[in-house]
C-alpha atoms as a PDB file:
ATOM      1  CA  MET A   1       0.204   0.282   0.125  1.00  0.00           C
ATOM      2  CA  SER A   2       1.211   3.436  -0.827  1.00  0.00           C
ATOM      3  CA  ARG A   3       1.699   5.941   1.610  1.00  0.00           C
ATOM      4  CA  ARG A   4      -1.047   8.546   0.115  1.00  0.00           C
ATOM      5  CA  ARG A   5      -3.538   5.334   0.547  1.00  0.00           C
ATOM      6  CA  ALA A   6      -2.041   4.686   4.352  1.00  0.00           C
ATOM      7  CA  ALA A   7      -2.312   8.472   4.676  1.00  0.00           C
ATOM      8  CA  SER A   8      -5.963   9.028   3.476  1.00  0.00           C
ATOM      9  CA  GLY A   9      -7.250   6.516   5.887  1.00  0.00           C
ATOM     10  CA  LEU A  10      -4.650   8.044   8.763  1.00  0.00           C
ATOM     11  CA  LEU A  11      -6.311  11.472   8.353  1.00  0.00           C
ATOM     12  CA  ALA A  12      -6.302  12.723  11.740  1.00  0.00           C
ATOM     13  CA  LEU A  13      -5.704  15.715   9.979  1.00  0.00           C
ATOM     14  CA  ALA A  14      -4.805  17.681  13.088  1.00  0.00           C
ATOM     15  CA  ALA A  15      -1.187  15.841  12.813  1.00  0.00           C
ATOM     16  CA  LEU A  16      -0.436  16.605   9.570  1.00  0.00           C
ATOM     17  CA  THR A  17       0.851  19.961  10.680  1.00  0.00           C
ATOM     18  CA  GLY A  18       1.930  19.437  14.073  1.00  0.00           C
ATOM     19  CA  CYS A  19       3.690  16.644  14.076  1.00  0.00           C
ATOM     20  CA  ALA A  20       6.750  16.237  16.315  1.00  0.00           C
ATOM     21  CA  GLY A  21       9.474  15.368  14.857  1.00  0.00           C
ATOM     22  CA  ALA A  22      11.078  16.531  12.194  1.00  0.00           C
ATOM     23  CA  PRO A  23      10.561  16.113   7.928  1.00  0.00           C
ATOM     24  CA  GLU A  24      12.230  13.434   6.264  1.00  0.00           C
ATOM     25  CA  ALA A  25      14.976  15.670   4.295  1.00  0.00           C
ATOM     26  CA  PRO A  26      14.680  15.850   0.891  1.00  0.00           C
ATOM     27  CA  ALA A  27      16.183  13.407  -1.523  1.00  0.00           C
ATOM     28  CA  THR A  28      19.187  14.541  -2.744  1.00  0.00           C
ATOM     29  CA  PRO A  29      18.395  15.288  -6.536  1.00  0.00           C
ATOM     30  CA  SER A  30      20.330  13.390  -9.453  1.00  0.00           C
ATOM     31  CA  PRO A  31      22.850  15.080 -11.603  1.00  0.00           C
ATOM     32  CA  SER A  32      20.451  14.697 -14.501  1.00  0.00           C
ATOM     33  CA  ALA A  33      17.875  16.295 -13.096  1.00  0.00           C
ATOM     34  CA  THR A  34      19.756  19.286 -11.761  1.00  0.00           C
ATOM     35  CA  PRO A  35      20.693  22.176 -13.586  1.00  0.00           C
ATOM     36  CA  SER A  36      24.269  22.524 -14.099  1.00  0.00           C
ATOM     37  CA  ALA A  37      24.062  26.293 -14.740  1.00  0.00           C
ATOM     38  CA  PRO A  38      21.374  28.960 -12.900  1.00  0.00           C
ATOM     39  CA  ALA A  39      18.476  28.956 -14.979  1.00  0.00           C
ATOM     40  CA  GLU A  40      15.390  31.455 -15.306  1.00  0.00           C
ATOM     41  CA  PRO A  41      13.127  31.391 -12.244  1.00  0.00           C
ATOM     42  CA  ILE A  42       9.940  28.676 -12.890  1.00  0.00           C
ATOM     43  CA  ARG A  43       6.595  30.263 -12.372  1.00  0.00           C
ATOM     44  CA  ILE A  44       3.809  27.733 -12.197  1.00  0.00           C
ATOM     45  CA  ALA A  45       0.044  29.049 -12.172  1.00  0.00           C
ATOM     46  CA  ALA A  46      -1.849  28.149  -8.982  1.00  0.00           C
ATOM     47  CA  GLY A  47      -4.519  27.183 -11.481  1.00  0.00           C
ATOM     48  CA  PRO A  48      -8.599  27.730 -10.552  1.00  0.00           C
ATOM     49  CA  THR A  49      -9.296  25.110  -8.338  1.00  0.00           C
ATOM     50  CA  GLY A  50      -7.985  23.602  -4.596  1.00  0.00           C
ATOM     51  CA  GLN A  51      -6.355  20.908  -6.442  1.00  0.00           C
ATOM     52  CA  THR A  52      -4.719  22.599  -8.849  1.00  0.00           C
ATOM     53  CA  ALA A  53      -2.955  24.921  -6.298  1.00  0.00           C
ATOM     54  CA  VAL A  54      -2.037  21.809  -4.478  1.00  0.00           C
ATOM     55  CA  LEU A  55      -0.383  20.452  -7.521  1.00  0.00           C
ATOM     56  CA  ALA A  56       1.583  23.768  -8.558  1.00  0.00           C
ATOM     57  CA  HIS A  57       3.354  23.836  -5.213  1.00  0.00           C
ATOM     58  CA  VAL A  58       4.502  19.948  -5.815  1.00  0.00           C
ATOM     59  CA  TYR A  59       5.853  20.902  -9.082  1.00  0.00           C
ATOM     60  CA  ALA A  60       7.434  23.995  -7.287  1.00  0.00           C
ATOM     61  CA  GLY A  61       8.991  21.946  -3.906  1.00  0.00           C
ATOM     62  CA  ARG A  62      10.384  19.501  -6.415  1.00  0.00           C
ATOM     63  CA  LEU A  63      11.884  21.600  -8.473  1.00  0.00           C
ATOM     64  CA  ARG A  64      13.545  23.706  -5.714  1.00  0.00           C
ATOM     65  CA  GLU A  65      15.116  20.212  -4.554  1.00  0.00           C
ATOM     66  CA  ALA A  66      16.516  19.962  -8.194  1.00  0.00           C
ATOM     67  CA  GLY A  67      18.172  23.207  -7.718  1.00  0.00           C
ATOM     68  CA  PHE A  68      15.497  25.531  -9.747  1.00  0.00           C
ATOM     69  CA  ASP A  69      14.480  28.850  -8.729  1.00  0.00           C
ATOM     70  CA  ALA A  70      10.710  27.659  -8.609  1.00  0.00           C
ATOM     71  CA  GLY A  71       7.397  29.708  -7.231  1.00  0.00           C
ATOM     72  CA  VAL A  72       3.772  29.346  -7.374  1.00  0.00           C
ATOM     73  CA  VAL A  73       2.170  32.780  -8.995  1.00  0.00           C
ATOM     74  CA  ASP A  74      -1.802  33.542  -9.036  1.00  0.00           C
ATOM     75  CA  ALA A  75      -2.616  34.141 -12.688  1.00  0.00           C
ATOM     76  CA  GLY A  76      -6.152  34.372 -12.235  1.00  0.00           C
ATOM     77  CA  ALA A  77      -8.747  31.818 -12.001  1.00  0.00           C
ATOM     78  CA  GLY A  78     -10.083  31.280 -15.575  1.00  0.00           C
ATOM     79  CA  ARG A  79      -8.722  28.692 -17.622  1.00  0.00           C
ATOM     80  CA  ALA A  80      -8.299  31.844 -20.036  1.00  0.00           C
ATOM     81  CA  ASP A  81      -6.331  34.016 -17.744  1.00  0.00           C
ATOM     82  CA  TYR A  82      -3.822  31.239 -17.274  1.00  0.00           C
ATOM     83  CA  LEU A  83      -3.311  29.899 -20.736  1.00  0.00           C
ATOM     84  CA  ALA A  84      -3.034  33.842 -21.757  1.00  0.00           C
ATOM     85  CA  ALA A  85      -0.277  33.919 -19.239  1.00  0.00           C
ATOM     86  CA  LEU A  86       1.435  31.058 -20.390  1.00  0.00           C
ATOM     87  CA  GLU A  87       1.537  32.121 -24.280  1.00  0.00           C
ATOM     88  CA  ARG A  88       2.688  35.613 -22.324  1.00  0.00           C
ATOM     89  CA  GLY A  89       5.665  34.286 -20.954  1.00  0.00           C
ATOM     90  CA  ASP A  90       4.540  35.322 -17.400  1.00  0.00           C
ATOM     91  CA  VAL A  91       4.325  31.669 -16.392  1.00  0.00           C
ATOM     92  CA  GLU A  92       6.267  28.370 -17.573  1.00  0.00           C
ATOM     93  CA  LEU A  93       3.746  25.942 -16.050  1.00  0.00           C
ATOM     94  CA  VAL A  94       0.407  24.548 -14.870  1.00  0.00           C
ATOM     95  CA  ALA A  95      -1.600  21.870 -14.129  1.00  0.00           C
ATOM     96  CA  ASP A  96      -5.073  21.141 -15.757  1.00  0.00           C
ATOM     97  CA  TYR A  97      -7.298  18.855 -16.634  1.00  0.00           C
ATOM     98  CA  SER A  98      -7.278  16.970 -20.001  1.00  0.00           C
ATOM     99  CA  GLY A  99     -10.717  16.815 -21.083  1.00  0.00           C
ATOM    100  CA  ASN A 100     -11.714  20.488 -19.992  1.00  0.00           C
ATOM    101  CA  LEU A 101      -8.122  21.835 -21.477  1.00  0.00           C
ATOM    102  CA  TYR A 102      -9.468  20.272 -24.669  1.00  0.00           C
ATOM    103  CA  LEU A 103     -12.890  21.658 -25.221  1.00  0.00           C
ATOM    104  CA  HIS A 104     -11.484  24.797 -23.919  1.00  0.00           C
ATOM    105  CA  LEU A 105      -8.855  25.036 -26.503  1.00  0.00           C
ATOM    106  CA  ARG A 106     -11.287  23.977 -29.489  1.00  0.00           C
ATOM    107  CA  GLY A 107     -13.651  26.497 -28.503  1.00  0.00           C
ATOM    108  CA  ARG A 108     -11.072  29.052 -28.154  1.00  0.00           C
ATOM    109  CA  ALA A 109     -14.189  31.272 -26.137  1.00  0.00           C
ATOM    110  CA  PRO A 110     -13.151  32.946 -22.523  1.00  0.00           C
ATOM    111  CA  VAL A 111     -14.417  31.288 -19.906  1.00  0.00           C
ATOM    112  CA  GLY A 112     -14.307  32.468 -16.189  1.00  0.00           C
ATOM    113  CA  PRO A 113     -14.267  30.070 -13.104  1.00  0.00           C
ATOM    114  CA  ALA A 114     -17.088  28.427 -15.111  1.00  0.00           C
ATOM    115  CA  GLY A 115     -14.943  26.751 -17.264  1.00  0.00           C
ATOM    116  CA  ALA A 116     -12.631  25.638 -14.738  1.00  0.00           C
ATOM    117  CA  ALA A 117     -11.392  22.188 -14.026  1.00  0.00           C
ATOM    118  CA  PRO A 118     -13.236  20.145 -10.974  1.00  0.00           C
ATOM    119  CA  THR A 119     -12.091  20.071  -7.676  1.00  0.00           C
ATOM    120  CA  GLY A 120     -14.117  17.092  -6.774  1.00  0.00           C
ATOM    121  CA  ILE A 121     -16.350  19.744  -3.868  1.00  0.00           C
ATOM    122  CA  ALA A 122     -16.744  22.546  -5.704  1.00  0.00           C
ATOM    123  CA  THR A 123     -20.295  22.875  -7.576  1.00  0.00           C
ATOM    124  CA  PRO A 124     -19.915  23.408 -11.088  1.00  0.00           C
ATOM    125  CA  SER A 125     -21.387  26.818 -12.512  1.00  0.00           C
ATOM    126  CA  PRO A 126     -25.386  26.465 -13.213  1.00  0.00           C
ATOM    127  CA  THR A 127     -24.512  28.390 -16.497  1.00  0.00           C
ATOM    128  CA  PRO A 128     -22.785  25.650 -19.556  1.00  0.00           C
ATOM    129  CA  THR A 129     -19.966  27.175 -20.771  1.00  0.00           C
ATOM    130  CA  PRO A 130     -19.868  27.599 -24.383  1.00  0.00           C
ATOM    131  CA  GLU A 131     -17.102  25.009 -25.362  1.00  0.00           C
ATOM    132  CA  ASP A 132     -19.015  22.139 -23.612  1.00  0.00           C
ATOM    133  CA  ARG A 133     -20.228  20.420 -26.818  1.00  0.00           C
ATOM    134  CA  GLY A 134     -20.030  16.596 -27.905  1.00  0.00           C
ATOM    135  CA  LEU A 135     -16.250  15.858 -27.044  1.00  0.00           C
ATOM    136  CA  ALA A 136     -16.712  12.315 -28.996  1.00  0.00           C
ATOM    137  CA  GLU A 137     -18.103  14.038 -31.959  1.00  0.00           C
ATOM    138  CA  ASP A 138     -15.628  16.889 -32.184  1.00  0.00           C
ATOM    139  CA  LEU A 139     -12.904  14.042 -31.489  1.00  0.00           C
ATOM    140  CA  SER A 140     -14.115  11.674 -33.999  1.00  0.00           C
ATOM    141  CA  GLU A 141     -13.911  14.858 -36.474  1.00  0.00           C
ATOM    142  CA  LEU A 142     -10.467  15.796 -35.575  1.00  0.00           C
ATOM    143  CA  LEU A 143      -8.975  12.318 -35.233  1.00  0.00           C
ATOM    144  CA  GLY A 144     -10.871  10.007 -37.571  1.00  0.00           C
ATOM    145  CA  LEU A 145     -12.509   8.321 -34.862  1.00  0.00           C
ATOM    146  CA  GLY A 146     -15.834   7.588 -36.861  1.00  0.00           C
ATOM    147  CA  GLU A 147     -18.575   6.450 -34.937  1.00  0.00           C
ATOM    148  CA  GLU A 148     -16.258   5.466 -32.006  1.00  0.00           C
ATOM    149  CA  ARG A 149     -16.375   7.555 -28.510  1.00  0.00           C
ATOM    150  CA  ALA A 150     -13.137   9.352 -27.689  1.00  0.00           C
ATOM    151  CA  ASP A 151     -11.394   7.485 -24.662  1.00  0.00           C
ATOM    152  CA  ASP A 152      -8.524   9.045 -22.453  1.00  0.00           C
ATOM    153  CA  ASP A 153      -5.762   8.767 -24.844  1.00  0.00           C
ATOM    154  CA  ASP A 154      -8.097  10.360 -27.727  1.00  0.00           C
ATOM    155  CA  VAL A 155      -8.636  13.488 -25.690  1.00  0.00           C
ATOM    156  CA  LEU A 156      -4.673  13.611 -25.147  1.00  0.00           C
ATOM    157  CA  ALA A 157      -3.497  13.136 -28.449  1.00  0.00           C
ATOM    158  CA  GLY A 158      -6.346  16.127 -29.089  1.00  0.00           C
ATOM    159  CA  VAL A 159      -4.919  18.564 -26.919  1.00  0.00           C
ATOM    160  CA  ARG A 160      -1.413  18.050 -28.537  1.00  0.00           C
ATOM    161  CA  GLU A 161      -3.265  18.693 -32.143  1.00  0.00           C
ATOM    162  CA  VAL A 162      -4.841  22.252 -30.442  1.00  0.00           C
ATOM    163  CA  LEU A 163      -2.707  23.136 -27.748  1.00  0.00           C
ATOM    164  CA  PRO A 164      -1.253  27.104 -29.038  1.00  0.00           C
ATOM    165  CA  GLU A 165       2.648  27.360 -30.817  1.00  0.00           C
ATOM    166  CA  GLY A 166       4.849  27.686 -27.951  1.00  0.00           C
ATOM    167  CA  LEU A 167       3.252  25.020 -25.402  1.00  0.00           C
ATOM    168  CA  ARG A 168       4.145  21.518 -24.535  1.00  0.00           C
ATOM    169  CA  VAL A 169       2.133  18.734 -23.095  1.00  0.00           C
ATOM    170  CA  LEU A 170       3.969  16.887 -20.510  1.00  0.00           C
ATOM    171  CA  GLU A 171       3.342  13.353 -19.671  1.00  0.00           C
ATOM    172  CA  PRO A 172       0.024  13.154 -17.780  1.00  0.00           C
ATOM    173  CA  ALA A 173       0.048  11.934 -14.171  1.00  0.00           C
ATOM    174  CA  PRO A 174      -2.017   8.548 -13.298  1.00  0.00           C
ATOM    175  CA  ALA A 175      -4.399  11.212 -11.688  1.00  0.00           C
ATOM    176  CA  GLU A 176      -8.169  11.839 -12.881  1.00  0.00           C
ATOM    177  CA  ASN A 177     -10.984  13.454 -11.554  1.00  0.00           C
ATOM    178  CA  THR A 178     -14.083  13.308 -14.015  1.00  0.00           C
ATOM    179  CA  VAL A 179     -17.899  12.863 -13.629  1.00  0.00           C
ATOM    180  CA  ALA A 180     -19.148   9.380 -12.521  1.00  0.00           C
ATOM    181  CA  VAL A 181     -22.366   8.082 -12.035  1.00  0.00           C
ATOM    182  CA  VAL A 182     -22.318   6.278  -8.056  1.00  0.00           C
ATOM    183  CA  VAL A 183     -24.804   4.522  -6.099  1.00  0.00           C
ATOM    184  CA  THR A 184     -24.398   3.247  -2.389  1.00  0.00           C
ATOM    185  CA  ARG A 185     -23.590  -0.555  -2.066  1.00  0.00           C
ATOM    186  CA  ALA A 186     -27.480  -1.224  -1.027  1.00  0.00           C
ATOM    187  CA  THR A 187     -28.771  -0.329  -4.274  1.00  0.00           C
ATOM    188  CA  ALA A 188     -25.528  -1.690  -6.179  1.00  0.00           C
ATOM    189  CA  VAL A 189     -26.470  -4.946  -4.688  1.00  0.00           C
ATOM    190  CA  GLU A 190     -30.717  -4.746  -5.333  1.00  0.00           C
ATOM    191  CA  HIS A 191     -30.152  -3.880  -9.508  1.00  0.00           C
ATOM    192  CA  GLY A 192     -26.861  -5.881  -9.812  1.00  0.00           C
ATOM    193  CA  LEU A 193     -24.913  -2.689 -10.782  1.00  0.00           C
ATOM    194  CA  SER A 194     -21.352  -2.589 -11.654  1.00  0.00           C
ATOM    195  CA  ASP A 195     -21.240  -0.486 -14.832  1.00  0.00           C
ATOM    196  CA  LEU A 196     -23.982   1.946 -16.610  1.00  0.00           C
ATOM    197  CA  GLU A 197     -24.773  -0.898 -19.043  1.00  0.00           C
ATOM    198  CA  ASP A 198     -25.892  -2.672 -16.035  1.00  0.00           C
ATOM    199  CA  LEU A 199     -28.098   0.642 -15.285  1.00  0.00           C
ATOM    200  CA  GLY A 200     -29.829   1.414 -18.066  1.00  0.00           C
ATOM    201  CA  PRO A 201     -32.485  -1.750 -18.092  1.00  0.00           C
ATOM    202  CA  VAL A 202     -33.268  -0.408 -14.657  1.00  0.00           C
ATOM    203  CA  CYS A 203     -32.881   3.505 -14.941  1.00  0.00           C
ATOM    204  CA  ASP A 204     -36.258   4.241 -14.988  1.00  0.00           C
ATOM    205  CA  GLU A 205     -36.610   3.113 -11.630  1.00  0.00           C
ATOM    206  CA  ILE A 206     -34.175   5.644 -10.475  1.00  0.00           C
ATOM    207  CA  ALA A 207     -34.114   9.093  -9.387  1.00  0.00           C
ATOM    208  CA  LEU A 208     -30.639  10.556 -10.755  1.00  0.00           C
ATOM    209  CA  GLY A 209     -29.290  13.860  -8.136  1.00  0.00           C
ATOM    210  CA  THR A 210     -26.735  15.839  -9.797  1.00  0.00           C
ATOM    211  CA  GLY A 211     -24.932  19.263  -9.906  1.00  0.00           C
ATOM    212  CA  LEU A 212     -27.097  22.371 -11.289  1.00  0.00           C
ATOM    213  CA  ASP A 213     -25.286  22.763 -14.924  1.00  0.00           C
ATOM    214  CA  PHE A 214     -25.372  18.394 -15.485  1.00  0.00           C
ATOM    215  CA  ALA A 215     -28.485  18.749 -17.503  1.00  0.00           C
ATOM    216  CA  GLY A 216     -26.762  21.340 -20.061  1.00  0.00           C
ATOM    217  CA  ARG A 217     -23.540  18.940 -20.321  1.00  0.00           C
ATOM    218  CA  SER A 218     -23.011  16.703 -23.495  1.00  0.00           C
ATOM    219  CA  TYR A 219     -22.799  13.976 -21.063  1.00  0.00           C
ATOM    220  CA  GLY A 220     -25.965  14.971 -19.716  1.00  0.00           C
ATOM    221  CA  PRO A 221     -29.482  13.502 -20.296  1.00  0.00           C
ATOM    222  CA  GLU A 222     -29.117  13.348 -23.751  1.00  0.00           C
ATOM    223  CA  GLY A 223     -25.389  11.397 -23.353  1.00  0.00           C
ATOM    224  CA  LEU A 224     -26.842   8.638 -20.989  1.00  0.00           C
ATOM    225  CA  LYS A 225     -29.866   8.339 -23.088  1.00  0.00           C
ATOM    226  CA  ASP A 226     -27.624   8.204 -26.091  1.00  0.00           C
ATOM    227  CA  ALA A 227     -24.799   5.641 -24.338  1.00  0.00           C
ATOM    228  CA  TYR A 228     -26.625   3.682 -22.331  1.00  0.00           C
ATOM    229  CA  GLU A 229     -30.468   3.920 -23.053  1.00  0.00           C
ATOM    230  CA  CYS A 230     -30.713   4.988 -19.589  1.00  0.00           C
ATOM    231  CA  VAL A 231     -33.570   7.540 -19.171  1.00  0.00           C
ATOM    232  CA  PRO A 232     -34.018   8.143 -15.388  1.00  0.00           C
ATOM    233  CA  ARG A 233     -37.177   8.179 -13.370  1.00  0.00           C
ATOM    234  CA  SER A 234     -36.264  11.993 -12.769  1.00  0.00           C
ATOM    235  CA  PHE A 235     -33.300  14.217 -12.584  1.00  0.00           C
ATOM    236  CA  VAL A 236     -32.669  15.887  -9.535  1.00  0.00           C
ATOM    237  CA  PRO A 237     -30.451  18.963  -9.402  1.00  0.00           C
ATOM    238  CA  PHE A 238     -28.350  19.998  -6.206  1.00  0.00           C
ATOM    239  CA  ALA A 239     -26.400  23.130  -5.350  1.00  0.00           C
ATOM    240  CA  GLU A 240     -24.358  21.861  -2.949  1.00  0.00           C
ATOM    241  CA  GLN A 241     -22.468  18.320  -3.032  1.00  0.00           C
ATOM    242  CA  ASP A 242     -22.852  17.712   0.537  1.00  0.00           C
ATOM    243  CA  GLU A 243     -26.634  17.839   0.198  1.00  0.00           C
ATOM    244  CA  LEU A 244     -26.157  15.489  -2.897  1.00  0.00           C
ATOM    245  CA  VAL A 245     -24.560  13.145  -1.317  1.00  0.00           C
ATOM    246  CA  ASP A 246     -26.969  13.105   1.532  1.00  0.00           C
ATOM    247  CA  ALA A 247     -29.776  12.667  -0.509  1.00  0.00           C
ATOM    248  CA  LEU A 248     -28.195   9.715  -1.862  1.00  0.00           C
ATOM    249  CA  LEU A 249     -27.288   8.445   1.308  1.00  0.00           C
ATOM    250  CA  GLU A 250     -30.921   8.697   2.209  1.00  0.00           C
ATOM    251  CA  ASP A 251     -32.524   7.225  -0.660  1.00  0.00           C
ATOM    252  CA  ARG A 252     -34.120  10.502  -1.954  1.00  0.00           C
ATOM    253  CA  VAL A 253     -32.039   9.944  -4.938  1.00  0.00           C
ATOM    254  CA  GLN A 254     -30.980   6.362  -5.823  1.00  0.00           C
ATOM    255  CA  ALA A 255     -28.043   7.635  -8.201  1.00  0.00           C
ATOM    256  CA  ALA A 256     -25.525  10.570  -8.068  1.00  0.00           C
ATOM    257  CA  ALA A 257     -23.131  12.191 -10.502  1.00  0.00           C
ATOM    258  CA  LEU A 258     -20.139  12.943  -8.590  1.00  0.00           C
ATOM    259  CA  PHE A 259     -16.705  13.893  -9.343  1.00  0.00           C
ATOM    260  CA  THR A 260     -14.181  10.600  -9.170  1.00  0.00           C
ATOM    261  CA  ALA A 261     -11.662  12.835  -6.652  1.00  0.00           C
ATOM    262  CA  SER A 262     -14.320  13.701  -4.023  1.00  0.00           C
ATOM    263  CA  PRO A 263     -13.611  12.220  -0.668  1.00  0.00           C
ATOM    264  CA  ALA A 264     -17.146  11.527  -0.323  1.00  0.00           C
ATOM    265  CA  ILE A 265     -16.915   8.358  -2.350  1.00  0.00           C
ATOM    266  CA  GLU A 266     -14.070   6.945   0.077  1.00  0.00           C
ATOM    267  CA  ASP A 267     -16.135   8.368   3.020  1.00  0.00           C
ATOM    268  CA  ASN A 268     -19.173   6.535   2.351  1.00  0.00           C
ATOM    269  CA  ALA A 269     -18.582   3.648   0.774  1.00  0.00           C
ATOM    270  CA  LEU A 270     -19.906   4.262  -3.054  1.00  0.00           C
ATOM    271  CA  VAL A 271     -19.687   2.325  -5.693  1.00  0.00           C
ATOM    272  CA  VAL A 272     -18.622   4.130  -9.034  1.00  0.00           C
ATOM    273  CA  LEU A 273     -20.274   2.654 -12.209  1.00  0.00           C
ATOM    274  CA  ALA A 274     -17.745   2.207 -14.924  1.00  0.00           C
ATOM    275  CA  ASP A 275     -18.232   4.052 -17.943  1.00  0.00           C
ATOM    276  CA  PRO A 276     -17.353   1.423 -21.036  1.00  0.00           C
ATOM    277  CA  LEU A 277     -18.549   3.829 -23.758  1.00  0.00           C
ATOM    278  CA  ASN A 278     -17.081   6.873 -22.529  1.00  0.00           C
ATOM    279  CA  ASN A 279     -20.013   8.977 -22.021  1.00  0.00           C
ATOM    280  CA  PHE A 280     -18.238  11.187 -20.108  1.00  0.00           C
ATOM    281  CA  VAL A 281     -15.149  13.629 -20.273  1.00  0.00           C
ATOM    282  CA  PRO A 282     -11.413  12.209 -19.289  1.00  0.00           C
ATOM    283  CA  GLN A 283      -9.885  14.415 -17.300  1.00  0.00           C
ATOM    284  CA  ARG A 284      -6.546  13.184 -17.003  1.00  0.00           C
ATOM    285  CA  VAL A 285      -4.143  15.679 -14.544  1.00  0.00           C
ATOM    286  CA  VAL A 286      -2.036  16.888 -17.162  1.00  0.00           C
ATOM    287  CA  PRO A 287       0.779  19.542 -16.750  1.00  0.00           C
ATOM    288  CA  VAL A 288       0.899  22.345 -20.046  1.00  0.00           C
ATOM    289  CA  GLY A 289       4.523  24.319 -20.060  1.00  0.00           C
ATOM    290  CA  ASP A 290       6.485  26.383 -22.148  1.00  0.00           C
ATOM    291  CA  ARG A 291       8.389  24.662 -24.866  1.00  0.00           C
ATOM    292  CA  LYS A 292      11.540  26.653 -23.452  1.00  0.00           C
ATOM    293  CA  LEU A 293      11.172  24.869 -20.120  1.00  0.00           C
ATOM    294  CA  PRO A 294      14.718  23.440 -19.693  1.00  0.00           C
ATOM    295  CA  ASP A 295      14.920  19.486 -19.941  1.00  0.00           C
ATOM    296  CA  ALA A 296      15.880  19.167 -16.891  1.00  0.00           C
ATOM    297  CA  ALA A 297      12.675  20.736 -15.148  1.00  0.00           C
ATOM    298  CA  VAL A 298      10.429  18.533 -18.007  1.00  0.00           C
ATOM    299  CA  GLN A 299      12.051  15.407 -16.375  1.00  0.00           C
ATOM    300  CA  VAL A 300      11.616  16.363 -12.731  1.00  0.00           C
ATOM    301  CA  VAL A 301       7.868  17.592 -13.082  1.00  0.00           C
ATOM    302  CA  GLU A 302       7.289  14.456 -15.592  1.00  0.00           C
ATOM    303  CA  GLU A 303       8.657  12.389 -13.001  1.00  0.00           C
ATOM    304  CA  VAL A 304       6.196  13.893  -9.835  1.00  0.00           C
ATOM    305  CA  SER A 305       3.434  13.639 -12.116  1.00  0.00           C
ATOM    306  CA  ALA A 306       4.063   9.968 -12.433  1.00  0.00           C
ATOM    307  CA  GLN A 307       3.626   9.417  -8.567  1.00  0.00           C
ATOM    308  CA  ILE A 308       0.349  11.389  -8.403  1.00  0.00           C
ATOM    309  CA  ASP A 309      -2.811   9.309  -8.705  1.00  0.00           C
ATOM    310  CA  THR A 310      -6.182   9.910  -7.825  1.00  0.00           C
ATOM    311  CA  ASP A 311      -6.057   9.041  -4.314  1.00  0.00           C
ATOM    312  CA  ASP A 312      -3.534  11.856  -3.921  1.00  0.00           C
ATOM    313  CA  LEU A 313      -5.956  14.247  -5.812  1.00  0.00           C
ATOM    314  CA  VAL A 314      -8.350  12.669  -2.927  1.00  0.00           C
ATOM    315  CA  LEU A 315      -6.194  13.558  -0.159  1.00  0.00           C
ATOM    316  CA  MET A 316      -5.481  16.837  -1.365  1.00  0.00           C
ATOM    317  CA  THR A 317      -8.729  17.750  -1.282  1.00  0.00           C
ATOM    318  CA  ARG A 318      -9.553  16.139   1.797  1.00  0.00           C
ATOM    319  CA  MET A 319      -6.690  18.440   3.143  1.00  0.00           C
ATOM    320  CA  THR A 320      -7.730  21.747   1.976  1.00  0.00           C
ATOM    321  CA  THR A 321     -11.054  21.657   2.497  1.00  0.00           C
ATOM    322  CA  ALA A 322     -11.618  20.274   6.137  1.00  0.00           C
ATOM    323  CA  ARG A 323     -13.133  22.336   8.863  1.00  0.00           C
ATOM    324  CA  ASP A 324      -9.826  23.209   9.556  1.00  0.00           C
ATOM    325  CA  PRO A 325      -8.359  23.347   6.132  1.00  0.00           C
ATOM    326  CA  TYR A 326      -4.536  23.419   5.177  1.00  0.00           C
ATOM    327  CA  THR A 327      -3.327  25.687   2.593  1.00  0.00           C
ATOM    328  CA  PRO A 328      -2.003  24.703  -1.043  1.00  0.00           C
ATOM    329  CA  GLU A 329       1.452  24.932   0.044  1.00  0.00           C
ATOM    330  CA  GLU A 330       0.676  22.735   3.611  1.00  0.00           C
ATOM    331  CA  ALA A 331      -1.012  20.005   1.542  1.00  0.00           C
ATOM    332  CA  ALA A 332       1.981  19.831  -1.102  1.00  0.00           C
ATOM    333  CA  ARG A 333       4.640  20.156   1.546  1.00  0.00           C
ATOM    334  CA  TYR A 334       2.843  16.613   3.433  1.00  0.00           C
ATOM    335  CA  TRP A 335       2.543  14.912  -0.038  1.00  0.00           C
ATOM    336  CA  LEU A 336       6.312  15.931  -0.924  1.00  0.00           C
ATOM    337  CA  GLU A 337       7.443  14.789   2.613  1.00  0.00           C
ATOM    338  CA  GLY A 338       6.263  11.592   1.958  1.00  0.00           C
ATOM    339  CA  GLY A 339       6.347  11.115  -1.960  1.00  0.00           C
ATOM    340  CA  ASP A 340       9.151   8.437  -2.061  1.00  0.00           C
ATOM    341  CA  ASP A 341       7.772   6.227   0.479  1.00  0.00           C
ATOM    342  CA  THR A 342       5.957   3.212  -0.380  1.00  0.00           C
END
């Protein structure tokens, strides 16, 4: 079991910043990752969410360990803001989510927080963004997929196709934070549910709780109907995730659309229904950087990205949204201090 999974089970959060004893010393950077001469500062955009802010501090911390002058800056909360900062050269790196990034770049319509990547906690804006259209159809046209629905690799290929000149996509992390339909264990057993194909035949027996913007999304009612012939008895929108989860646990709705990196899934032993036909937009954590980033810095970022999985996003979200929340920098420091433990 990795140190991240162990940590998520140990979250007596008071122990995280009040730990007695000094943290382990940072690992000595390898010669290949250490710049041979002083390099220009690497400025990393915090991004629009608590998760992306923690990730920015994780990258900055590991880059400093490797000898770079790296720091986190506020480049605006909207995707248009920090992409513009990247293109201007005001920042050199940002963590984003592959699906939302692709949709934004294809639309190229300026969006604010409503178009930001999901946090796993925050409720999306009730107004669908202009760039939210059928991802499968869009990528089919771009990549020649025909009727086949876009998967994770297709989305990443699409991002590379439409990324502005001068920017590049670094290797993505294993971590993802996409929308999924979840049910309680009792409901899963009652209807024999493990994926959305199982849900289709019994969909008219359930109420599906969602965020306020679900009905306007390409993966919403229309997507579920087209992919899985799933037409719920009703769609019940909620303004807050806590209210949605309570309704699910109290059986006022029998299924809920949540982000996969939401701590509520683990905390309540909810069952995530697999999406074999890729109705929901894949959302891998992907660093986007300036093409002028030194190769040694790229290597450091990609090495740390390879260690970040969805459980880490859950932990980061839990820490930064607790009753007594930790700052993104504190959460990143905690992750880095245990980052090489297995």
